[in-house]
N, C-alpha and C. Protein backbone atom coordinates (compact mmCIF):
# COMPACT_ATOMS: atom_id res chain seq x y z
N MET A 1 -12.77 -8.19 -14.58
CA MET A 1 -12.67 -8.53 -13.15
C MET A 1 -14.05 -8.61 -12.54
N ASP A 2 -14.37 -9.71 -11.86
CA ASP A 2 -15.66 -9.88 -11.23
C ASP A 2 -15.69 -9.10 -9.93
N THR A 3 -16.54 -8.12 -9.83
CA THR A 3 -16.61 -7.30 -8.62
C THR A 3 -17.83 -7.63 -7.76
N CYS A 4 -18.60 -8.65 -8.14
CA CYS A 4 -19.76 -9.04 -7.35
C CYS A 4 -19.68 -10.54 -7.08
N SER A 5 -19.49 -10.93 -5.85
CA SER A 5 -19.38 -12.33 -5.49
C SER A 5 -20.51 -12.69 -4.53
N GLU A 6 -20.42 -13.93 -3.97
CA GLU A 6 -21.41 -14.35 -3.00
C GLU A 6 -21.41 -13.44 -1.77
N LYS A 7 -20.33 -12.70 -1.54
CA LYS A 7 -20.24 -11.81 -0.39
C LYS A 7 -20.94 -10.47 -0.63
N GLN A 8 -21.63 -10.34 -1.77
CA GLN A 8 -22.36 -9.11 -2.08
C GLN A 8 -21.43 -7.92 -2.18
N GLU A 9 -20.31 -8.13 -2.83
CA GLU A 9 -19.37 -7.04 -3.01
C GLU A 9 -19.97 -5.98 -3.92
N ILE A 10 -19.63 -4.72 -3.65
CA ILE A 10 -20.18 -3.58 -4.37
C ILE A 10 -19.06 -2.84 -5.09
N LEU A 11 -19.29 -2.43 -6.31
CA LEU A 11 -18.36 -1.58 -7.04
C LEU A 11 -18.90 -0.16 -7.01
N SER A 12 -18.09 0.79 -6.55
CA SER A 12 -18.58 2.15 -6.37
C SER A 12 -17.62 3.17 -6.97
N GLN A 13 -18.19 4.29 -7.42
CA GLN A 13 -17.42 5.44 -7.89
C GLN A 13 -17.54 6.62 -6.92
N ASP A 14 -18.17 6.40 -5.78
CA ASP A 14 -18.45 7.46 -4.82
C ASP A 14 -17.25 7.73 -3.93
N ALA A 15 -16.61 8.88 -4.09
CA ALA A 15 -15.41 9.22 -3.32
C ALA A 15 -15.72 10.13 -2.13
N SER A 16 -16.99 10.28 -1.78
CA SER A 16 -17.36 11.24 -0.74
C SER A 16 -16.80 10.89 0.64
N GLY A 17 -16.46 9.64 0.86
CA GLY A 17 -15.93 9.23 2.15
C GLY A 17 -14.42 9.25 2.24
N PHE A 18 -13.77 9.84 1.23
CA PHE A 18 -12.31 9.83 1.15
C PHE A 18 -11.74 11.23 1.33
N VAL A 19 -10.48 11.28 1.73
CA VAL A 19 -9.77 12.55 1.89
C VAL A 19 -8.40 12.48 1.22
N LEU A 20 -7.85 13.66 0.96
CA LEU A 20 -6.49 13.79 0.46
C LEU A 20 -5.55 13.64 1.65
N LEU A 21 -4.68 12.64 1.62
CA LEU A 21 -3.89 12.32 2.79
C LEU A 21 -2.90 13.42 3.16
N SER A 22 -2.40 14.16 2.18
CA SER A 22 -1.44 15.23 2.48
C SER A 22 -2.08 16.35 3.30
N GLU A 23 -3.39 16.49 3.22
CA GLU A 23 -4.09 17.48 4.02
C GLU A 23 -4.52 16.92 5.37
N ALA A 24 -4.91 15.65 5.39
CA ALA A 24 -5.36 15.04 6.63
C ALA A 24 -4.20 14.71 7.56
N VAL A 25 -3.05 14.32 6.97
CA VAL A 25 -1.87 13.95 7.75
C VAL A 25 -0.66 14.62 7.10
N PRO A 26 -0.48 15.92 7.28
CA PRO A 26 0.54 16.66 6.52
C PRO A 26 1.98 16.26 6.81
N GLN A 27 2.25 15.58 7.93
CA GLN A 27 3.63 15.23 8.24
C GLN A 27 4.12 13.96 7.53
N ILE A 28 3.26 13.29 6.79
CA ILE A 28 3.71 12.09 6.09
C ILE A 28 4.55 12.46 4.86
N VAL A 29 5.36 11.50 4.42
CA VAL A 29 6.13 11.62 3.18
C VAL A 29 5.46 10.70 2.17
N GLN A 30 5.23 11.21 0.97
CA GLN A 30 4.57 10.41 -0.06
C GLN A 30 5.53 10.05 -1.18
N GLU A 31 5.55 8.78 -1.52
CA GLU A 31 6.32 8.30 -2.67
C GLU A 31 5.40 7.35 -3.43
N MET A 32 4.51 7.90 -4.20
CA MET A 32 3.44 7.13 -4.82
C MET A 32 3.96 6.35 -6.02
N ARG A 33 4.40 5.14 -5.75
CA ARG A 33 5.13 4.34 -6.73
C ARG A 33 4.34 4.04 -7.99
N TYR A 34 3.04 3.83 -7.87
CA TYR A 34 2.29 3.42 -9.06
C TYR A 34 1.96 4.57 -10.00
N PHE A 35 2.23 5.79 -9.56
CA PHE A 35 2.16 6.93 -10.47
C PHE A 35 3.44 7.03 -11.29
N THR A 36 4.53 6.43 -10.79
CA THR A 36 5.83 6.48 -11.44
C THR A 36 6.06 5.23 -12.29
N THR A 37 7.23 5.16 -12.90
CA THR A 37 7.61 3.96 -13.65
C THR A 37 8.41 3.00 -12.78
N PHE A 38 8.75 3.40 -11.55
CA PHE A 38 9.51 2.50 -10.68
C PHE A 38 8.57 1.65 -9.84
N ASN A 39 7.99 0.68 -10.53
CA ASN A 39 7.15 -0.32 -9.89
C ASN A 39 7.26 -1.60 -10.71
N CYS A 40 6.60 -2.64 -10.32
CA CYS A 40 6.79 -3.95 -10.96
C CYS A 40 6.47 -3.94 -12.44
N THR A 41 5.58 -3.06 -12.89
CA THR A 41 5.21 -3.04 -14.31
C THR A 41 6.17 -2.24 -15.17
N GLY A 42 6.93 -1.32 -14.55
CA GLY A 42 7.82 -0.45 -15.33
C GLY A 42 7.10 0.69 -16.02
N ALA A 43 5.83 0.91 -15.67
CA ALA A 43 5.03 1.98 -16.29
C ALA A 43 4.05 2.51 -15.27
N ARG A 44 3.52 3.72 -15.52
CA ARG A 44 2.48 4.23 -14.64
C ARG A 44 1.27 3.31 -14.72
N VAL A 45 0.70 3.01 -13.57
CA VAL A 45 -0.41 2.07 -13.50
C VAL A 45 -1.73 2.82 -13.73
N ASP A 46 -2.64 2.19 -14.45
CA ASP A 46 -3.93 2.79 -14.76
C ASP A 46 -4.64 3.25 -13.48
N GLY A 47 -5.22 4.43 -13.53
CA GLY A 47 -5.99 4.95 -12.41
C GLY A 47 -5.23 5.92 -11.53
N TYR A 48 -3.90 5.94 -11.66
CA TYR A 48 -3.09 6.87 -10.87
C TYR A 48 -2.81 8.11 -11.72
N GLU A 49 -3.66 9.11 -11.58
CA GLU A 49 -3.58 10.30 -12.42
C GLU A 49 -2.73 11.41 -11.84
N GLU A 50 -2.51 11.37 -10.53
CA GLU A 50 -1.65 12.34 -9.85
C GLU A 50 -0.88 11.62 -8.75
N PRO A 51 0.29 12.13 -8.36
CA PRO A 51 1.08 11.47 -7.31
C PRO A 51 0.58 11.85 -5.91
N VAL A 52 -0.66 11.50 -5.62
CA VAL A 52 -1.27 11.81 -4.33
C VAL A 52 -1.81 10.54 -3.71
N ALA A 53 -1.98 10.58 -2.40
CA ALA A 53 -2.54 9.44 -1.67
C ALA A 53 -3.93 9.80 -1.17
N LEU A 54 -4.87 8.89 -1.36
CA LEU A 54 -6.23 9.04 -0.87
C LEU A 54 -6.53 7.90 0.10
N LEU A 55 -7.30 8.20 1.14
CA LEU A 55 -7.75 7.19 2.09
C LEU A 55 -9.15 7.56 2.57
N THR A 56 -9.85 6.59 3.14
CA THR A 56 -11.11 6.92 3.78
C THR A 56 -10.84 7.86 4.96
N LYS A 57 -11.84 8.63 5.32
CA LYS A 57 -11.68 9.57 6.42
C LYS A 57 -11.28 8.85 7.71
N GLU A 58 -11.86 7.69 7.93
CA GLU A 58 -11.57 6.94 9.15
C GLU A 58 -10.13 6.45 9.18
N ALA A 59 -9.65 5.94 8.05
CA ALA A 59 -8.28 5.44 7.99
C ALA A 59 -7.28 6.59 8.11
N ALA A 60 -7.60 7.73 7.52
CA ALA A 60 -6.72 8.90 7.60
C ALA A 60 -6.61 9.39 9.04
N GLU A 61 -7.73 9.39 9.76
CA GLU A 61 -7.69 9.84 11.16
C GLU A 61 -6.84 8.89 12.00
N ALA A 62 -6.98 7.60 11.77
CA ALA A 62 -6.16 6.63 12.49
C ALA A 62 -4.69 6.78 12.13
N LEU A 63 -4.42 7.04 10.86
CA LEU A 63 -3.04 7.20 10.42
C LEU A 63 -2.40 8.44 11.03
N ARG A 64 -3.21 9.48 11.24
CA ARG A 64 -2.68 10.68 11.88
C ARG A 64 -2.13 10.36 13.27
N GLN A 65 -2.82 9.48 13.99
CA GLN A 65 -2.34 9.06 15.31
C GLN A 65 -0.99 8.37 15.19
N ALA A 66 -0.85 7.47 14.22
CA ALA A 66 0.42 6.76 14.03
C ALA A 66 1.53 7.73 13.63
N ALA A 67 1.20 8.69 12.77
CA ALA A 67 2.20 9.65 12.30
C ALA A 67 2.68 10.54 13.44
N GLU A 68 1.77 10.94 14.31
CA GLU A 68 2.14 11.80 15.43
C GLU A 68 3.01 11.04 16.43
N GLU A 69 2.68 9.79 16.68
CA GLU A 69 3.51 8.99 17.59
C GLU A 69 4.89 8.76 16.99
N ALA A 70 4.93 8.44 15.70
CA ALA A 70 6.21 8.21 15.03
C ALA A 70 7.07 9.46 15.08
N GLU A 71 6.45 10.62 14.85
CA GLU A 71 7.19 11.87 14.86
C GLU A 71 7.80 12.15 16.23
N GLY A 72 7.08 11.79 17.28
CA GLY A 72 7.60 11.96 18.62
C GLY A 72 8.80 11.08 18.91
N MET A 73 8.96 10.02 18.11
CA MET A 73 10.08 9.10 18.27
C MET A 73 11.22 9.41 17.29
N GLY A 74 11.04 10.45 16.50
CA GLY A 74 12.08 10.83 15.54
C GLY A 74 11.93 10.23 14.17
N PHE A 75 10.72 9.76 13.84
CA PHE A 75 10.47 9.14 12.54
C PHE A 75 9.32 9.83 11.81
N ARG A 76 9.28 9.63 10.53
CA ARG A 76 8.12 10.02 9.73
C ARG A 76 7.65 8.81 8.96
N LEU A 77 6.38 8.79 8.62
CA LEU A 77 5.83 7.71 7.81
C LEU A 77 6.04 8.04 6.33
N ARG A 78 6.53 7.06 5.58
CA ARG A 78 6.63 7.20 4.12
C ARG A 78 5.59 6.28 3.49
N ILE A 79 4.70 6.86 2.70
CA ILE A 79 3.61 6.11 2.08
C ILE A 79 3.94 5.78 0.63
N PHE A 80 3.83 4.50 0.28
CA PHE A 80 4.07 4.05 -1.09
C PHE A 80 2.77 3.89 -1.89
N ASP A 81 1.71 3.49 -1.20
CA ASP A 81 0.42 3.33 -1.86
C ASP A 81 -0.67 3.39 -0.80
N ALA A 82 -1.84 3.86 -1.20
CA ALA A 82 -2.98 3.92 -0.29
C ALA A 82 -4.18 3.37 -1.07
N TYR A 83 -5.23 4.19 -1.25
CA TYR A 83 -6.35 3.73 -2.08
C TYR A 83 -5.86 3.37 -3.47
N ARG A 84 -6.33 2.22 -3.96
CA ARG A 84 -5.96 1.72 -5.29
C ARG A 84 -7.24 1.38 -6.06
N PRO A 85 -7.53 2.08 -7.16
CA PRO A 85 -8.78 1.79 -7.88
C PRO A 85 -8.79 0.40 -8.49
N VAL A 86 -9.98 -0.13 -8.69
CA VAL A 86 -10.13 -1.46 -9.30
C VAL A 86 -9.44 -1.51 -10.65
N ARG A 87 -9.51 -0.42 -11.41
CA ARG A 87 -8.88 -0.41 -12.74
C ARG A 87 -7.37 -0.63 -12.66
N ALA A 88 -6.75 -0.27 -11.54
CA ALA A 88 -5.32 -0.51 -11.36
C ALA A 88 -5.04 -2.00 -11.20
N VAL A 89 -5.90 -2.68 -10.45
CA VAL A 89 -5.75 -4.13 -10.29
C VAL A 89 -5.91 -4.82 -11.64
N GLU A 90 -6.86 -4.36 -12.43
CA GLU A 90 -7.06 -4.93 -13.77
C GLU A 90 -5.84 -4.67 -14.65
N CYS A 91 -5.18 -3.54 -14.44
CA CYS A 91 -3.94 -3.23 -15.17
C CYS A 91 -2.86 -4.23 -14.80
N PHE A 92 -2.74 -4.56 -13.52
CA PHE A 92 -1.77 -5.57 -13.08
C PHE A 92 -2.08 -6.92 -13.72
N GLU A 93 -3.36 -7.26 -13.79
CA GLU A 93 -3.74 -8.54 -14.39
C GLU A 93 -3.33 -8.61 -15.85
N ARG A 94 -3.54 -7.55 -16.59
CA ARG A 94 -3.13 -7.53 -17.99
C ARG A 94 -1.61 -7.62 -18.12
N TRP A 95 -0.91 -6.90 -17.25
CA TRP A 95 0.55 -6.91 -17.29
C TRP A 95 1.10 -8.31 -17.02
N GLU A 96 0.49 -9.04 -16.12
CA GLU A 96 0.98 -10.38 -15.80
C GLU A 96 0.98 -11.29 -17.02
N LEU A 97 0.08 -11.04 -17.95
CA LEU A 97 -0.04 -11.88 -19.15
C LEU A 97 0.94 -11.50 -20.25
N THR A 98 1.66 -10.40 -20.08
CA THR A 98 2.60 -9.96 -21.10
C THR A 98 3.98 -10.57 -20.87
N ALA A 99 4.86 -10.35 -21.84
CA ALA A 99 6.24 -10.85 -21.73
C ALA A 99 7.18 -9.81 -21.12
N ASP A 100 6.63 -8.70 -20.68
CA ASP A 100 7.43 -7.60 -20.15
C ASP A 100 8.01 -7.96 -18.77
N GLU A 101 9.32 -8.14 -18.70
CA GLU A 101 9.98 -8.46 -17.43
C GLU A 101 11.11 -7.48 -17.14
N ARG A 102 11.00 -6.26 -17.62
CA ARG A 102 12.10 -5.30 -17.45
C ARG A 102 12.38 -4.97 -16.00
N MET A 103 11.37 -5.11 -15.12
CA MET A 103 11.57 -4.77 -13.72
C MET A 103 11.83 -5.99 -12.84
N LYS A 104 12.04 -7.13 -13.46
CA LYS A 104 12.28 -8.36 -12.71
C LYS A 104 13.44 -8.24 -11.73
N PRO A 105 14.60 -7.65 -12.09
CA PRO A 105 15.71 -7.58 -11.13
C PRO A 105 15.38 -6.82 -9.86
N TYR A 106 14.41 -5.92 -9.93
CA TYR A 106 14.10 -5.05 -8.79
C TYR A 106 12.94 -5.57 -7.93
N PHE A 107 11.96 -6.24 -8.55
CA PHE A 107 10.74 -6.58 -7.82
C PHE A 107 10.39 -8.06 -7.77
N PHE A 108 10.85 -8.86 -8.73
CA PHE A 108 10.55 -10.30 -8.65
C PHE A 108 11.72 -11.12 -9.19
N PRO A 109 12.92 -10.93 -8.63
CA PRO A 109 14.11 -11.59 -9.16
C PRO A 109 14.12 -13.10 -9.01
N SER A 110 13.39 -13.64 -8.04
CA SER A 110 13.51 -15.07 -7.75
C SER A 110 12.26 -15.88 -8.04
N ILE A 111 11.25 -15.25 -8.65
CA ILE A 111 10.02 -15.99 -8.96
C ILE A 111 9.64 -15.84 -10.43
N ASP A 112 8.81 -16.74 -10.89
CA ASP A 112 8.25 -16.67 -12.24
C ASP A 112 7.14 -15.63 -12.24
N LYS A 113 7.21 -14.70 -13.16
CA LYS A 113 6.20 -13.64 -13.22
C LYS A 113 4.77 -14.20 -13.30
N ALA A 114 4.59 -15.32 -13.95
CA ALA A 114 3.27 -15.90 -14.14
C ALA A 114 2.64 -16.38 -12.83
N THR A 115 3.41 -16.42 -11.75
CA THR A 115 2.88 -16.90 -10.47
C THR A 115 2.51 -15.76 -9.53
N ILE A 116 2.66 -14.52 -9.97
CA ILE A 116 2.48 -13.38 -9.07
C ILE A 116 1.08 -13.35 -8.45
N PHE A 117 0.04 -13.58 -9.23
CA PHE A 117 -1.30 -13.60 -8.67
C PHE A 117 -1.57 -14.92 -7.95
N ARG A 118 -1.11 -16.03 -8.53
CA ARG A 118 -1.34 -17.33 -7.92
C ARG A 118 -0.72 -17.43 -6.52
N GLU A 119 0.44 -16.81 -6.35
CA GLU A 119 1.12 -16.82 -5.06
C GLU A 119 0.69 -15.65 -4.17
N SER A 120 -0.30 -14.88 -4.63
CA SER A 120 -0.91 -13.78 -3.85
C SER A 120 0.04 -12.63 -3.56
N TYR A 121 1.04 -12.43 -4.42
CA TYR A 121 1.86 -11.23 -4.27
C TYR A 121 1.06 -9.99 -4.67
N ILE A 122 0.11 -10.17 -5.58
CA ILE A 122 -0.88 -9.15 -5.89
C ILE A 122 -2.24 -9.83 -5.81
N ALA A 123 -3.20 -9.19 -5.16
CA ALA A 123 -4.53 -9.78 -4.98
C ALA A 123 -5.47 -9.34 -6.10
N ARG A 124 -6.27 -10.26 -6.59
CA ARG A 124 -7.25 -9.90 -7.63
C ARG A 124 -8.36 -9.03 -7.06
N ARG A 125 -8.64 -9.14 -5.78
CA ARG A 125 -9.54 -8.22 -5.08
C ARG A 125 -8.70 -7.57 -3.99
N SER A 126 -8.15 -6.45 -4.30
CA SER A 126 -7.21 -5.82 -3.38
C SER A 126 -7.92 -5.06 -2.27
N SER A 127 -7.46 -5.26 -1.04
CA SER A 127 -8.01 -4.48 0.08
C SER A 127 -7.75 -2.99 -0.11
N HIS A 128 -6.72 -2.64 -0.88
CA HIS A 128 -6.46 -1.23 -1.18
C HIS A 128 -7.67 -0.57 -1.85
N SER A 129 -8.40 -1.35 -2.63
CA SER A 129 -9.55 -0.79 -3.36
C SER A 129 -10.73 -0.49 -2.44
N ARG A 130 -10.66 -0.94 -1.20
CA ARG A 130 -11.71 -0.60 -0.22
C ARG A 130 -11.40 0.72 0.49
N GLY A 131 -10.19 1.24 0.27
CA GLY A 131 -9.88 2.59 0.71
C GLY A 131 -9.28 2.77 2.07
N SER A 132 -9.10 1.68 2.84
CA SER A 132 -8.57 1.81 4.20
C SER A 132 -7.29 1.00 4.41
N THR A 133 -6.60 0.72 3.31
CA THR A 133 -5.34 -0.03 3.34
C THR A 133 -4.24 0.84 2.77
N LEU A 134 -3.06 0.73 3.34
CA LEU A 134 -1.92 1.48 2.81
C LEU A 134 -0.64 0.69 2.97
N ASP A 135 0.36 1.08 2.18
CA ASP A 135 1.71 0.51 2.23
C ASP A 135 2.64 1.59 2.76
N VAL A 136 3.41 1.26 3.80
CA VAL A 136 4.11 2.31 4.54
C VAL A 136 5.41 1.79 5.13
N THR A 137 6.36 2.69 5.34
CA THR A 137 7.58 2.38 6.07
C THR A 137 7.91 3.56 6.97
N LEU A 138 9.04 3.46 7.67
CA LEU A 138 9.48 4.51 8.59
C LEU A 138 10.74 5.17 8.07
N LEU A 139 10.76 6.50 8.11
CA LEU A 139 11.91 7.30 7.71
C LEU A 139 12.52 7.94 8.95
N ASP A 140 13.82 7.78 9.12
CA ASP A 140 14.55 8.36 10.25
C ASP A 140 14.80 9.84 9.96
N MET A 141 14.26 10.73 10.79
CA MET A 141 14.40 12.16 10.53
C MET A 141 15.83 12.65 10.71
N LYS A 142 16.64 11.94 11.48
CA LYS A 142 18.04 12.35 11.66
C LYS A 142 18.88 12.07 10.42
N THR A 143 18.68 10.92 9.83
CA THR A 143 19.50 10.52 8.67
C THR A 143 18.83 10.83 7.34
N GLY A 144 17.51 10.97 7.36
CA GLY A 144 16.78 11.16 6.11
C GLY A 144 16.60 9.88 5.32
N LEU A 145 16.93 8.75 5.94
CA LEU A 145 16.86 7.45 5.27
C LEU A 145 15.76 6.59 5.87
N ASP A 146 15.22 5.71 5.06
CA ASP A 146 14.26 4.73 5.55
C ASP A 146 14.96 3.74 6.48
N LEU A 147 14.25 3.24 7.47
CA LEU A 147 14.80 2.19 8.31
C LEU A 147 15.01 0.93 7.47
N ASP A 148 16.03 0.16 7.81
CA ASP A 148 16.34 -1.07 7.09
C ASP A 148 15.35 -2.15 7.51
N MET A 149 14.50 -2.53 6.58
CA MET A 149 13.48 -3.54 6.85
C MET A 149 13.86 -4.92 6.29
N GLY A 150 15.06 -5.03 5.75
CA GLY A 150 15.50 -6.33 5.25
C GLY A 150 15.06 -6.64 3.84
N GLY A 151 14.41 -5.71 3.20
CA GLY A 151 13.94 -5.88 1.83
C GLY A 151 13.07 -4.70 1.46
N PRO A 152 13.07 -4.28 0.21
CA PRO A 152 12.33 -3.10 -0.21
C PRO A 152 10.84 -3.34 -0.36
N PHE A 153 10.09 -2.26 -0.40
CA PHE A 153 8.66 -2.31 -0.69
C PHE A 153 8.41 -3.01 -2.03
N ASP A 154 7.40 -3.86 -2.06
CA ASP A 154 6.94 -4.56 -3.26
C ASP A 154 7.93 -5.60 -3.79
N LEU A 155 8.82 -6.09 -2.96
CA LEU A 155 9.67 -7.20 -3.37
C LEU A 155 8.86 -8.48 -3.27
N PHE A 156 8.63 -9.14 -4.40
CA PHE A 156 7.83 -10.36 -4.42
C PHE A 156 8.74 -11.54 -4.08
N ASP A 157 8.87 -11.78 -2.79
CA ASP A 157 9.78 -12.79 -2.27
C ASP A 157 9.35 -13.11 -0.85
N ASP A 158 9.61 -14.32 -0.38
CA ASP A 158 9.17 -14.65 0.97
C ASP A 158 9.92 -13.89 2.05
N ILE A 159 11.04 -13.25 1.72
CA ILE A 159 11.74 -12.43 2.70
C ILE A 159 10.90 -11.22 3.10
N SER A 160 9.91 -10.87 2.27
CA SER A 160 9.03 -9.75 2.58
C SER A 160 8.01 -10.08 3.67
N GLY A 161 7.86 -11.36 3.98
CA GLY A 161 6.95 -11.76 5.05
C GLY A 161 7.35 -11.10 6.36
N THR A 162 6.40 -10.58 7.08
CA THR A 162 6.68 -9.79 8.28
C THR A 162 7.60 -10.51 9.26
N PHE A 163 7.43 -11.82 9.41
CA PHE A 163 8.21 -12.57 10.39
C PHE A 163 9.24 -13.49 9.72
N SER A 164 9.70 -13.10 8.56
CA SER A 164 10.70 -13.90 7.84
C SER A 164 11.93 -14.12 8.71
N GLU A 165 12.43 -15.33 8.71
CA GLU A 165 13.63 -15.67 9.46
C GLU A 165 14.90 -15.35 8.69
N ARG A 166 14.75 -14.80 7.50
CA ARG A 166 15.91 -14.48 6.67
C ARG A 166 16.46 -13.09 6.94
N VAL A 167 15.79 -12.31 7.78
CA VAL A 167 16.26 -10.96 8.08
C VAL A 167 17.07 -10.96 9.37
N THR A 168 17.85 -9.90 9.56
CA THR A 168 18.66 -9.78 10.77
C THR A 168 17.79 -9.37 11.96
N ARG A 169 18.39 -9.44 13.14
CA ARG A 169 17.66 -9.03 14.34
C ARG A 169 17.27 -7.56 14.26
N GLU A 170 18.18 -6.71 13.81
CA GLU A 170 17.88 -5.28 13.70
C GLU A 170 16.76 -5.03 12.70
N GLN A 171 16.80 -5.71 11.57
CA GLN A 171 15.75 -5.55 10.57
C GLN A 171 14.40 -6.00 11.12
N GLN A 172 14.39 -7.10 11.86
CA GLN A 172 13.14 -7.58 12.46
C GLN A 172 12.63 -6.59 13.50
N GLU A 173 13.52 -6.01 14.27
CA GLU A 173 13.11 -5.01 15.26
C GLU A 173 12.50 -3.79 14.58
N ASN A 174 13.05 -3.39 13.46
CA ASN A 174 12.49 -2.26 12.71
C ASN A 174 11.09 -2.59 12.22
N ARG A 175 10.90 -3.81 11.74
CA ARG A 175 9.57 -4.23 11.29
C ARG A 175 8.57 -4.22 12.45
N MET A 176 9.03 -4.69 13.59
CA MET A 176 8.14 -4.74 14.76
C MET A 176 7.82 -3.34 15.28
N LEU A 177 8.75 -2.41 15.15
CA LEU A 177 8.48 -1.03 15.54
C LEU A 177 7.37 -0.45 14.67
N LEU A 178 7.47 -0.63 13.37
CA LEU A 178 6.44 -0.15 12.45
C LEU A 178 5.10 -0.81 12.76
N ARG A 179 5.13 -2.11 12.96
CA ARG A 179 3.90 -2.86 13.21
C ARG A 179 3.24 -2.40 14.51
N ALA A 180 4.05 -2.14 15.54
CA ALA A 180 3.49 -1.70 16.82
C ALA A 180 2.85 -0.33 16.70
N LEU A 181 3.50 0.58 15.97
CA LEU A 181 2.94 1.91 15.76
C LEU A 181 1.59 1.83 15.06
N MET A 182 1.54 1.04 14.01
CA MET A 182 0.30 0.92 13.25
C MET A 182 -0.77 0.18 14.04
N ASP A 183 -0.37 -0.81 14.81
CA ASP A 183 -1.32 -1.57 15.62
C ASP A 183 -1.99 -0.66 16.65
N ARG A 184 -1.20 0.17 17.31
CA ARG A 184 -1.76 1.07 18.32
C ARG A 184 -2.72 2.09 17.71
N ALA A 185 -2.53 2.39 16.43
CA ALA A 185 -3.40 3.34 15.75
C ALA A 185 -4.66 2.69 15.18
N GLY A 186 -4.75 1.36 15.29
CA GLY A 186 -5.96 0.68 14.84
C GLY A 186 -5.85 -0.10 13.54
N PHE A 187 -4.62 -0.33 13.08
CA PHE A 187 -4.41 -1.08 11.85
C PHE A 187 -3.92 -2.49 12.15
N ARG A 188 -4.28 -3.42 11.29
CA ARG A 188 -3.72 -4.77 11.38
C ARG A 188 -2.73 -4.96 10.24
N GLY A 189 -1.62 -5.59 10.55
CA GLY A 189 -0.60 -5.80 9.55
C GLY A 189 -0.78 -7.13 8.84
N ALA A 190 -0.27 -7.21 7.62
CA ALA A 190 -0.31 -8.45 6.85
C ALA A 190 0.85 -9.34 7.25
N GLN A 191 0.67 -10.64 7.16
CA GLN A 191 1.75 -11.58 7.44
C GLN A 191 2.74 -11.63 6.28
N SER A 192 2.24 -11.48 5.07
CA SER A 192 3.07 -11.71 3.88
C SER A 192 3.86 -10.48 3.42
N GLU A 193 3.49 -9.29 3.89
CA GLU A 193 4.16 -8.06 3.47
C GLU A 193 4.35 -7.15 4.68
N TRP A 194 5.57 -6.88 5.04
CA TRP A 194 5.84 -6.08 6.24
C TRP A 194 5.29 -4.66 6.14
N TRP A 195 5.05 -4.16 4.93
CA TRP A 195 4.63 -2.77 4.70
C TRP A 195 3.12 -2.58 4.62
N HIS A 196 2.33 -3.63 4.65
CA HIS A 196 0.92 -3.60 4.29
C HIS A 196 0.03 -3.59 5.54
N PHE A 197 -0.84 -2.56 5.66
CA PHE A 197 -1.70 -2.41 6.83
C PHE A 197 -3.12 -2.01 6.42
N THR A 198 -4.10 -2.59 7.12
CA THR A 198 -5.51 -2.29 6.87
C THR A 198 -6.18 -1.88 8.17
N LEU A 199 -6.98 -0.83 8.12
CA LEU A 199 -7.73 -0.39 9.29
C LEU A 199 -8.63 -1.52 9.78
N ARG A 200 -8.57 -1.83 11.06
CA ARG A 200 -9.36 -2.95 11.58
C ARG A 200 -10.86 -2.73 11.37
N ASN A 201 -11.32 -1.55 11.70
CA ASN A 201 -12.75 -1.25 11.55
C ASN A 201 -12.96 -0.43 10.28
N GLU A 202 -12.60 -1.01 9.16
CA GLU A 202 -12.71 -0.27 7.90
C GLU A 202 -14.18 0.03 7.59
N PRO A 203 -14.48 1.23 7.10
CA PRO A 203 -15.87 1.63 6.90
C PRO A 203 -16.56 0.98 5.71
N TYR A 204 -15.79 0.45 4.77
CA TYR A 204 -16.39 -0.13 3.56
C TYR A 204 -15.84 -1.53 3.32
N PRO A 205 -16.13 -2.48 4.20
CA PRO A 205 -15.52 -3.81 4.11
C PRO A 205 -15.94 -4.62 2.89
N ASP A 206 -17.04 -4.25 2.25
CA ASP A 206 -17.53 -5.01 1.09
C ASP A 206 -17.62 -4.16 -0.18
N THR A 207 -17.04 -2.95 -0.15
CA THR A 207 -17.13 -2.05 -1.29
C THR A 207 -15.76 -1.84 -1.91
N TYR A 208 -15.70 -1.99 -3.22
CA TYR A 208 -14.46 -1.79 -3.98
C TYR A 208 -14.68 -0.58 -4.89
N PHE A 209 -13.79 0.40 -4.76
CA PHE A 209 -13.97 1.68 -5.45
C PHE A 209 -13.12 1.74 -6.73
N ASP A 210 -13.60 2.57 -7.67
CA ASP A 210 -12.89 2.65 -8.95
C ASP A 210 -12.77 4.08 -9.48
N PHE A 211 -12.87 5.08 -8.62
CA PHE A 211 -12.61 6.44 -9.09
C PHE A 211 -11.09 6.64 -9.17
N PRO A 212 -10.61 7.55 -10.02
CA PRO A 212 -9.16 7.73 -10.19
C PRO A 212 -8.49 8.37 -8.99
N VAL A 213 -7.20 8.12 -8.86
CA VAL A 213 -6.40 8.74 -7.80
C VAL A 213 -5.97 10.13 -8.28
N CYS A 214 -6.67 11.15 -7.81
CA CYS A 214 -6.35 12.53 -8.14
C CYS A 214 -7.08 13.44 -7.17
N ARG A 215 -6.67 14.68 -7.08
CA ARG A 215 -7.29 15.63 -6.16
C ARG A 215 -8.76 15.85 -6.48
N ALA A 216 -9.08 15.89 -7.77
CA ALA A 216 -10.47 16.15 -8.17
C ALA A 216 -11.44 15.11 -7.63
N SER A 217 -10.98 13.89 -7.42
CA SER A 217 -11.87 12.83 -6.94
C SER A 217 -12.45 13.14 -5.57
N VAL A 218 -11.66 13.86 -4.75
CA VAL A 218 -12.15 14.20 -3.40
C VAL A 218 -12.48 15.68 -3.27
N GLY A 219 -12.69 16.33 -4.41
CA GLY A 219 -13.15 17.70 -4.42
C GLY A 219 -12.11 18.74 -4.09
N GLN A 220 -10.83 18.40 -4.29
CA GLN A 220 -9.77 19.39 -4.00
C GLN A 220 -9.55 20.28 -5.22
């Protein structure tokens, strides 16, 4: 993977600007999919050594604001992914070239696996690797269930687009509630994925990190 382009992109192993999200924002719920086998590859993804979420200090502070507001409304934030090392993206690239489609019914039922990168369902230079992007949904504290967003996290389909016309009014309202919470906290949402948010003023806009996802990386 080319980590240096005309934009002067930097590859770094320095985790000093990152925090353990469970300590910075203790009210969040973590479901770190890429540490598990329930993701598009059907296996733990390279670089995810523990089921923990890491973010830059700035993104974690902004997320705390969103989590506190959500909690006041009867919701909690459920995090599926946060910082993603470059080696994880390279793992996805290798997987795309294999014949392994065991998770197709769950994550890419309607598309050809070979188009996943071409159609930008996974980015070759992921904003997650800059440390201020996360994938998130809302959990209703009364029911213990996630809000119905019209499609699950990491579904590679155009219904995952934030403003998809294929979802119901209630599902669209749930998406807009999440988006508004994150927007007020300083995050911008992606058009193509209702769950994907990046801190507007991210501290490392040109740096892609490759230290592993584990407590030891941030000195815990």
